[in-house]
Amino acid sequence: MEITRLAKEYAKQGHKVFALSMGDTHFTLPQSIGKKLIASLQHEDTHYVEAMGIRELRTSISEIEFRGDYTADEILVVPGVKQGLYYFMKAFEGKQICILEPAWLGYHSTCQMCDKKIIRVSVKKQDWLKKLETSDFDCLMVCSPNNPDGKIFNEEEMRAMHNIVTAKKAVLILDEIYSLYSFSLDLKTILQPYYKEKNVVTVTGFSKGYAATGLRLGCVATHYPDIIKKMNIIHQNTATCANSLAQYAFVGYDTAKEEVHKFAEYYNKNRDLICKLLPEAAVFKPDGGFYYFINLQIFGIQNAEKFCKALLTDKKIALVPGSAYGEGFDSWVRLSYSIDRDELTEGIEILKKYIEAYESKS
């Protein structure tokens, strides 16, 4: 977000900025959802609603996302996944949280705010499952497709992780915020069997898939009645309820299925385009999401933070340094392809030339 802020400052100054740091879609809200949002305003649905979330939306989430494996009463509607994870961490009694890195930095911040000890396991190391098995933790957080590298954990990996979590009598959190952008594997087929498991808590939302990051609407689904009760109490005393207009707008949200499918098709083509324009990045091609996570060592560059600052200053191209996503990623960068294709093409071509010049100076 800091990189994006700086990029916006350059844009205000009149520079053309290539925001390859964005963690947002460049699309607008699907028309079918937008119409319902306007209707909600016209109906004056602007007042407090039930803290758990309106039942119509919880029922929609239960049926559309989870095929009834989580009931409406097991779903808490929250102001985005970020806040939902905070509620869970405050309600959860376990103290040691395992994070698979590289990982969205919000996981680390949430754990720190809730006085949890972070256990780090890097999935970039071949023995990561063995490391996970020998680590001591109360909860494992898994994002699939992952931010920042777009990794989708396959059936074998999911089975191994769930077996490890179960053996430790721990909890597995599945973060599916990027689930609609699954290109290489069928994510829902992989994850569906785990929705019935008591020790699996699932968080998801509408921000990324529905171009609705500003509406702040997500959910936490859990089979633990005590935890959802505690989360709801925290929710009532902090946010009161999630955005009422957005909740009514997303009831029966599968009406936008065709529109969001087009979003995914567009980004899948952007993903392939990067491999054509920057062939060296092909080894980092993501399974899903809308980011590449690239190790700049393939270009002889060791310090990604220094490189990103120079790139933004010199060419007004914004990337995110890998150090934001865990330990041992100082030479990595996250590159977002959730932008207009022509802008992406121009930005990558400038980036490629800049890397070549940067290499010659190194």
Protein backbone atom coordinates (compact mmCIF):
# COMPACT_ATOMS: atom_id res chain seq x y z
CA MET A 1 0.00 0.00 0.00
CA GLU A 2 2.94 2.36 0.68
CA ILE A 3 4.35 1.67 -2.79
CA THR A 4 0.91 2.32 -4.26
CA ARG A 5 0.66 5.57 -2.30
CA LEU A 6 3.96 6.78 -3.75
CA ALA A 7 2.84 5.75 -7.22
CA LYS A 8 -0.34 7.79 -6.83
CA GLU A 9 1.70 10.79 -5.73
CA TYR A 10 3.72 10.59 -8.95
CA ALA A 11 0.48 10.31 -10.92
CA LYS A 12 -0.85 13.48 -9.24
CA GLN A 13 2.32 15.23 -10.34
CA GLY A 14 1.46 14.39 -13.93
CA HIS A 15 3.69 11.37 -14.47
CA LYS A 16 2.45 8.26 -16.24
CA VAL A 17 2.70 5.56 -13.60
CA PHE A 18 2.54 1.81 -14.15
CA ALA A 19 0.93 0.41 -11.00
CA LEU A 20 2.23 -3.15 -11.13
CA SER A 21 1.99 -3.15 -7.35
CA MET A 22 -1.81 -3.15 -7.17
CA GLY A 23 -3.60 -5.71 -5.01
CA ASP A 24 -6.92 -4.79 -6.58
CA THR A 25 -8.79 -5.51 -9.79
CA HIS A 26 -8.97 -2.77 -12.41
CA PHE A 27 -12.55 -3.71 -13.28
CA THR A 28 -15.70 -2.06 -11.98
CA LEU A 29 -18.34 -3.79 -9.87
CA PRO A 30 -20.39 -6.31 -11.93
CA GLN A 31 -23.51 -4.64 -13.31
CA SER A 32 -25.91 -7.11 -11.70
CA ILE A 33 -24.42 -6.37 -8.27
CA GLY A 34 -24.29 -2.63 -8.95
CA LYS A 35 -27.99 -2.53 -9.77
CA LYS A 36 -28.83 -4.25 -6.50
CA LEU A 37 -26.54 -1.85 -4.64
CA ILE A 38 -28.46 1.12 -6.09
CA ALA A 39 -31.75 -0.59 -5.25
CA SER A 40 -30.58 -1.08 -1.65
CA LEU A 41 -29.92 2.64 -1.39
CA GLN A 42 -33.31 3.46 -2.88
CA HIS A 43 -34.95 1.12 -0.37
CA GLU A 44 -33.08 2.99 2.37
CA ASP A 45 -31.32 -0.16 3.59
CA THR A 46 -28.79 2.03 5.37
CA HIS A 47 -29.51 1.07 8.97
CA TYR A 48 -28.07 -1.48 11.41
CA VAL A 49 -28.54 -5.11 10.50
CA GLU A 50 -27.96 -8.29 12.48
CA ALA A 51 -24.30 -8.47 13.52
CA MET A 52 -23.91 -11.99 12.12
CA GLY A 53 -25.00 -10.64 8.75
CA ILE A 54 -28.40 -10.68 7.10
CA ARG A 55 -29.65 -14.24 6.84
CA GLU A 56 -30.33 -13.96 3.12
CA LEU A 57 -26.64 -13.29 2.44
CA ARG A 58 -25.42 -15.97 4.84
CA THR A 59 -27.71 -18.45 3.13
CA SER A 60 -26.37 -17.38 -0.28
CA ILE A 61 -22.78 -17.87 0.90
CA SER A 62 -23.63 -21.25 2.41
CA GLU A 63 -25.21 -22.50 -0.81
CA ILE A 64 -22.98 -20.86 -3.43
CA GLU A 65 -19.55 -21.13 -1.79
CA PHE A 66 -19.88 -24.18 0.42
CA ARG A 67 -22.77 -26.25 -0.97
CA GLY A 68 -24.27 -26.27 2.51
CA ASP A 69 -21.19 -27.74 4.23
CA TYR A 70 -21.16 -24.61 6.41
CA THR A 71 -24.70 -23.62 7.38
CA ALA A 72 -25.93 -20.04 7.52
CA ASP A 73 -25.59 -20.14 11.32
CA GLU A 74 -21.92 -21.11 10.97
CA ILE A 75 -21.09 -18.04 8.86
CA LEU A 76 -20.20 -14.59 10.20
CA VAL A 77 -20.35 -11.73 7.70
CA VAL A 78 -17.49 -9.30 8.32
CA PRO A 79 -16.01 -6.05 6.90
CA GLY A 80 -13.47 -7.93 4.79
CA VAL A 81 -11.27 -10.99 5.35
CA LYS A 82 -8.67 -8.89 7.14
CA GLN A 83 -11.08 -8.00 9.92
CA GLY A 84 -12.49 -11.52 10.01
CA LEU A 85 -9.01 -12.93 10.66
CA TYR A 86 -8.53 -10.40 13.45
CA TYR A 87 -11.77 -11.52 15.10
CA PHE A 88 -10.71 -15.15 14.83
CA MET A 89 -7.28 -14.52 16.32
CA LYS A 90 -8.82 -12.62 19.25
CA ALA A 91 -11.33 -15.42 19.88
CA PHE A 92 -8.88 -18.30 19.35
CA GLU A 93 -7.08 -19.48 22.49
CA GLY A 94 -4.09 -21.01 20.70
CA LYS A 95 -0.89 -18.97 20.87
CA GLN A 96 1.30 -20.28 18.04
CA ILE A 97 0.27 -19.53 14.47
CA CYS A 98 2.09 -21.10 11.53
CA ILE A 99 2.31 -18.99 8.38
CA LEU A 100 3.39 -20.48 5.06
CA GLU A 101 5.72 -17.98 3.44
CA PRO A 102 5.80 -16.08 1.18
CA ALA A 103 2.58 -14.76 2.65
CA TRP A 104 0.41 -11.68 2.65
CA LEU A 105 1.89 -9.41 5.30
CA GLY A 106 -1.52 -8.92 6.94
CA TYR A 107 -1.22 -12.38 8.50
CA HIS A 108 1.89 -11.33 10.39
CA SER A 109 0.38 -8.01 11.49
CA THR A 110 -2.80 -9.67 12.73
CA CYS A 111 -0.83 -12.21 14.75
CA GLN A 112 1.28 -9.44 16.29
CA MET A 113 -1.78 -7.37 17.23
CA CYS A 114 -3.32 -10.43 18.89
CA ASP A 115 -0.15 -11.41 20.79
CA LYS A 116 0.37 -14.62 18.83
CA LYS A 117 3.75 -16.20 18.19
CA ILE A 118 4.52 -16.58 14.48
CA ILE A 119 5.97 -19.86 13.22
CA ARG A 120 7.40 -19.44 9.72
CA VAL A 121 7.64 -22.19 7.11
CA SER A 122 8.88 -21.34 3.60
CA VAL A 123 7.15 -23.26 0.82
CA LYS A 124 10.04 -22.32 -1.49
CA LYS A 125 12.14 -24.97 0.25
CA GLN A 126 11.75 -28.55 -0.95
CA ASP A 127 11.38 -29.97 2.54
CA TRP A 128 8.67 -27.53 3.62
CA LEU A 129 6.14 -30.24 4.48
CA LYS A 130 8.72 -31.96 6.68
CA LYS A 131 9.45 -28.63 8.36
CA LEU A 132 5.72 -28.16 8.89
CA GLU A 133 5.41 -31.59 10.44
CA THR A 134 8.19 -30.90 12.93
CA SER A 135 6.97 -27.39 13.82
CA ASP A 136 4.92 -26.73 16.93
CA PHE A 137 1.77 -24.69 16.24
CA ASP A 138 -1.90 -24.34 17.18
CA CYS A 139 -3.13 -22.99 13.87
CA LEU A 140 -1.95 -23.12 10.26
CA MET A 141 -2.90 -20.38 7.80
CA VAL A 142 -3.15 -21.38 4.13
CA CYS A 143 -4.00 -19.01 1.28
CA SER A 144 -4.83 -20.68 -2.04
CA PRO A 145 -4.26 -19.26 -4.61
CA ASN A 146 -1.58 -17.63 -2.52
CA ASN A 147 -0.62 -13.99 -2.32
CA PRO A 148 2.07 -13.18 -3.52
CA ASP A 149 3.13 -16.17 -5.65
CA GLY A 150 -0.23 -17.49 -6.91
CA LYS A 151 0.48 -21.02 -5.68
CA ILE A 152 -2.50 -23.37 -5.49
CA PHE A 153 -1.87 -26.19 -3.06
CA ASN A 154 -2.68 -29.46 -4.83
CA GLU A 155 -4.67 -32.40 -3.48
CA GLU A 156 -1.60 -34.20 -2.13
CA GLU A 157 -0.31 -31.09 -0.36
CA MET A 158 -3.71 -30.28 1.12
CA ARG A 159 -4.12 -33.84 2.37
CA ALA A 160 -0.66 -33.77 3.96
CA MET A 161 -1.30 -30.39 5.62
CA HIS A 162 -4.67 -31.43 7.00
CA ASN A 163 -3.19 -34.68 8.35
CA ILE A 164 -0.42 -32.71 10.08
CA VAL A 165 -2.88 -30.20 11.54
CA THR A 166 -5.18 -32.97 12.76
CA ALA A 167 -2.31 -34.89 14.37
CA LYS A 168 -1.35 -31.74 16.29
CA LYS A 169 -4.99 -31.10 17.28
CA ALA A 170 -4.60 -27.72 15.63
CA VAL A 171 -6.84 -25.62 13.38
CA LEU A 172 -6.45 -25.09 9.63
CA ILE A 173 -7.51 -21.71 8.22
CA LEU A 174 -8.27 -21.68 4.49
CA ASP A 175 -8.12 -18.22 2.92
CA GLU A 176 -9.95 -18.33 -0.42
CA ILE A 177 -10.05 -14.63 -1.23
CA TYR A 178 -8.51 -15.29 -4.70
CA SER A 179 -10.53 -18.43 -5.42
CA LEU A 180 -12.20 -17.07 -8.57
CA TYR A 181 -8.76 -16.69 -10.16
CA SER A 182 -7.77 -20.37 -10.32
CA PHE A 183 -6.12 -21.12 -13.65
CA SER A 184 -3.96 -24.23 -13.36
CA LEU A 185 -5.95 -26.39 -10.93
CA ASP A 186 -9.61 -26.81 -9.96
CA LEU A 187 -9.45 -25.15 -6.55
CA LYS A 188 -12.98 -25.95 -5.39
CA THR A 189 -12.56 -29.65 -6.16
CA ILE A 190 -9.42 -29.64 -4.02
CA LEU A 191 -10.88 -27.71 -1.07
CA GLN A 192 -14.50 -28.91 -0.98
CA PRO A 193 -13.75 -32.09 1.04
CA TYR A 194 -12.30 -30.00 3.89
CA TYR A 195 -15.36 -27.79 4.45
CA LYS A 196 -16.97 -30.60 6.44
CA GLU A 197 -13.96 -31.02 8.73
CA LYS A 198 -14.51 -29.48 12.16
CA ASN A 199 -10.92 -28.25 12.47
CA VAL A 200 -11.09 -26.27 9.20
CA VAL A 201 -12.07 -22.58 9.30
CA THR A 202 -12.64 -20.89 5.94
CA VAL A 203 -12.41 -17.17 5.20
CA THR A 204 -13.39 -15.58 1.92
CA GLY A 205 -14.88 -12.41 0.54
CA PHE A 206 -16.03 -10.41 -2.45
CA SER A 207 -13.16 -7.91 -2.69
CA LYS A 208 -10.92 -9.51 -5.30
CA GLY A 209 -13.32 -11.61 -7.34
CA TYR A 210 -16.07 -9.01 -7.63
CA ALA A 211 -14.03 -5.79 -7.91
CA ALA A 212 -15.43 -4.71 -4.55
CA THR A 213 -12.40 -4.01 -2.36
CA GLY A 214 -13.89 -0.75 -1.07
CA LEU A 215 -17.21 -2.31 -0.05
CA ARG A 216 -15.42 -4.33 2.66
CA LEU A 217 -17.47 -7.50 2.67
CA GLY A 218 -16.28 -10.98 3.57
CA CYS A 219 -17.06 -13.89 5.85
CA VAL A 220 -15.65 -16.40 8.30
CA ALA A 221 -17.11 -19.92 8.25
CA THR A 222 -16.49 -22.27 11.17
CA HIS A 223 -17.94 -25.37 12.81
CA TYR A 224 -16.78 -24.12 16.24
CA PRO A 225 -19.90 -22.60 17.90
CA ASP A 226 -17.91 -21.10 20.78
CA ILE A 227 -15.49 -19.34 18.45
CA ILE A 228 -18.17 -17.88 16.18
CA LYS A 229 -20.01 -16.65 19.27
CA LYS A 230 -16.86 -14.91 20.56
CA MET A 231 -16.09 -13.47 17.12
CA ASN A 232 -19.60 -12.06 16.88
CA ILE A 233 -19.24 -10.38 20.27
CA ILE A 234 -15.97 -8.75 19.14
CA HIS A 235 -17.65 -7.78 15.87
CA GLN A 236 -20.62 -6.22 17.68
CA ASN A 237 -18.35 -4.15 19.88
CA THR A 238 -16.00 -2.93 17.15
CA ALA A 239 -17.82 -2.70 13.81
CA THR A 240 -21.44 -3.38 14.89
CA CYS A 241 -22.17 -4.95 11.50
CA ALA A 242 -20.76 -5.16 7.99
CA ASN A 243 -21.89 -2.65 5.35
CA SER A 244 -25.68 -3.04 5.09
CA LEU A 245 -25.97 -1.83 1.48
CA ALA A 246 -23.29 -4.25 0.32
CA GLN A 247 -24.90 -7.15 2.15
CA TYR A 248 -28.24 -6.67 0.40
CA ALA A 249 -26.49 -6.16 -2.94
CA PHE A 250 -24.65 -9.49 -2.71
CA VAL A 251 -27.66 -11.65 -1.85
CA GLY A 252 -27.81 -14.26 -4.62
CA TYR A 253 -24.48 -13.00 -5.99
CA ASP A 254 -24.15 -15.88 -8.45
CA THR A 255 -26.15 -13.66 -10.83
CA ALA A 256 -22.73 -12.11 -11.59
CA LYS A 257 -21.18 -15.46 -12.50
CA GLU A 258 -20.67 -14.66 -16.19
CA GLU A 259 -19.24 -11.22 -15.47
CA VAL A 260 -16.66 -12.40 -12.93
CA HIS A 261 -15.75 -15.29 -15.22
CA LYS A 262 -14.76 -12.69 -17.82
CA PHE A 263 -12.59 -10.99 -15.19
CA ALA A 264 -10.76 -14.29 -14.66
CA GLU A 265 -10.37 -14.91 -18.40
CA TYR A 266 -8.86 -11.46 -18.85
CA TYR A 267 -6.30 -11.95 -16.08
CA ASN A 268 -5.44 -15.43 -17.29
CA LYS A 269 -4.48 -13.90 -20.66
CA ASN A 270 -2.48 -11.22 -18.85
CA ARG A 271 -0.68 -13.99 -16.97
CA ASP A 272 0.30 -15.67 -20.25
CA LEU A 273 1.29 -12.34 -21.81
CA ILE A 274 3.96 -11.73 -19.16
CA CYS A 275 5.67 -15.00 -20.08
CA LYS A 276 5.82 -13.85 -23.72
CA LEU A 277 7.12 -10.38 -22.92
CA LEU A 278 9.46 -11.47 -20.13
CA PRO A 279 10.35 -15.13 -20.83
CA GLU A 280 12.60 -15.34 -17.77
CA ALA A 281 9.48 -15.01 -15.61
CA ALA A 282 7.96 -18.23 -16.99
CA VAL A 283 9.51 -20.32 -14.20
CA PHE A 284 7.49 -18.25 -11.71
CA LYS A 285 4.18 -18.52 -13.59
CA PRO A 286 1.42 -18.58 -10.95
CA ASP A 287 -1.35 -21.18 -10.70
CA GLY A 288 -3.87 -18.46 -9.90
CA GLY A 289 -4.45 -15.05 -8.35
CA PHE A 290 -3.13 -12.04 -10.23
CA TYR A 291 0.51 -11.78 -9.17
CA TYR A 292 3.89 -13.05 -10.26
CA PHE A 293 6.47 -13.49 -7.50
CA ILE A 294 9.84 -13.22 -9.22
CA ASN A 295 13.32 -13.83 -7.85
CA LEU A 296 15.45 -11.07 -9.36
CA GLN A 297 18.55 -13.18 -8.88
CA ILE A 298 17.79 -14.59 -12.34
CA PHE A 299 18.84 -11.14 -13.55
CA GLY A 300 21.78 -10.88 -11.14
CA ILE A 301 19.91 -8.49 -8.83
CA GLN A 302 20.16 -9.18 -5.09
CA ASN A 303 18.52 -6.19 -3.39
CA ALA A 304 14.88 -5.98 -4.50
CA GLU A 305 14.00 -3.06 -2.25
CA LYS A 306 16.77 -0.92 -3.71
CA PHE A 307 15.74 -1.98 -7.21
CA CYS A 308 12.04 -1.18 -6.61
CA LYS A 309 12.82 2.30 -5.30
CA ALA A 310 15.07 3.05 -8.27
CA LEU A 311 12.52 1.67 -10.73
CA LEU A 312 9.72 3.78 -9.27
CA THR A 313 11.89 6.90 -9.24
CA ASP A 314 13.39 6.45 -12.70
CA LYS A 315 10.60 4.83 -14.72
CA LYS A 316 7.50 5.29 -12.55
CA ILE A 317 6.88 1.55 -12.42
CA ALA A 318 5.67 0.26 -9.06
CA LEU A 319 6.54 -3.24 -7.83
CA VAL A 320 6.44 -4.58 -4.27
CA PRO A 321 9.72 -5.83 -2.70
CA GLY A 322 9.62 -9.44 -1.55
CA SER A 323 10.77 -8.56 1.97
CA ALA A 324 7.13 -7.61 2.65
CA TYR A 325 6.12 -11.27 2.38
CA GLY A 326 8.40 -13.03 4.85
CA GLU A 327 11.98 -13.89 5.64
CA GLY A 328 14.49 -14.76 2.95
CA PHE A 329 12.81 -12.94 0.06
CA ASP A 330 15.06 -9.90 -0.18
CA SER A 331 15.76 -10.53 -3.87
CA TRP A 332 12.12 -11.15 -4.83
CA VAL A 333 9.40 -8.81 -6.15
CA ARG A 334 5.66 -9.09 -6.55
CA LEU A 335 4.35 -8.00 -9.94
CA SER A 336 0.60 -7.54 -10.36
CA TYR A 337 -1.08 -8.12 -13.72
CA SER A 338 -4.53 -6.91 -12.64
CA ILE A 339 -4.41 -3.89 -14.93
CA ASP A 340 -5.38 -2.94 -18.47
CA ARG A 341 -3.56 -5.14 -21.00
CA ASP A 342 -2.12 -2.31 -23.08
CA GLU A 343 -0.77 -0.64 -19.95
CA LEU A 344 0.65 -3.96 -18.78
CA THR A 345 2.36 -4.51 -22.13
CA GLU A 346 3.95 -1.07 -22.13
CA GLY A 347 5.02 -1.37 -18.50
CA ILE A 348 6.65 -4.79 -18.96
CA GLU A 349 8.53 -3.63 -22.05
CA ILE A 350 9.93 -0.65 -20.12
CA LEU A 351 10.72 -2.90 -17.15
CA LYS A 352 12.62 -5.35 -19.36
CA LYS A 353 14.84 -2.62 -20.79
CA TYR A 354 15.40 -1.17 -17.32
CA ILE A 355 16.48 -4.55 -15.97
CA GLU A 356 18.96 -4.96 -18.83
CA ALA A 357 20.46 -1.54 -18.10
CA TYR A 358 20.43 -2.21 -14.34
CA GLU A 359 22.24 -5.50 -14.85
CA SER A 360 25.01 -3.82 -16.84
CA LYS A 361 25.58 -1.35 -14.00
CA SER A 362 25.74 -4.08 -11.35
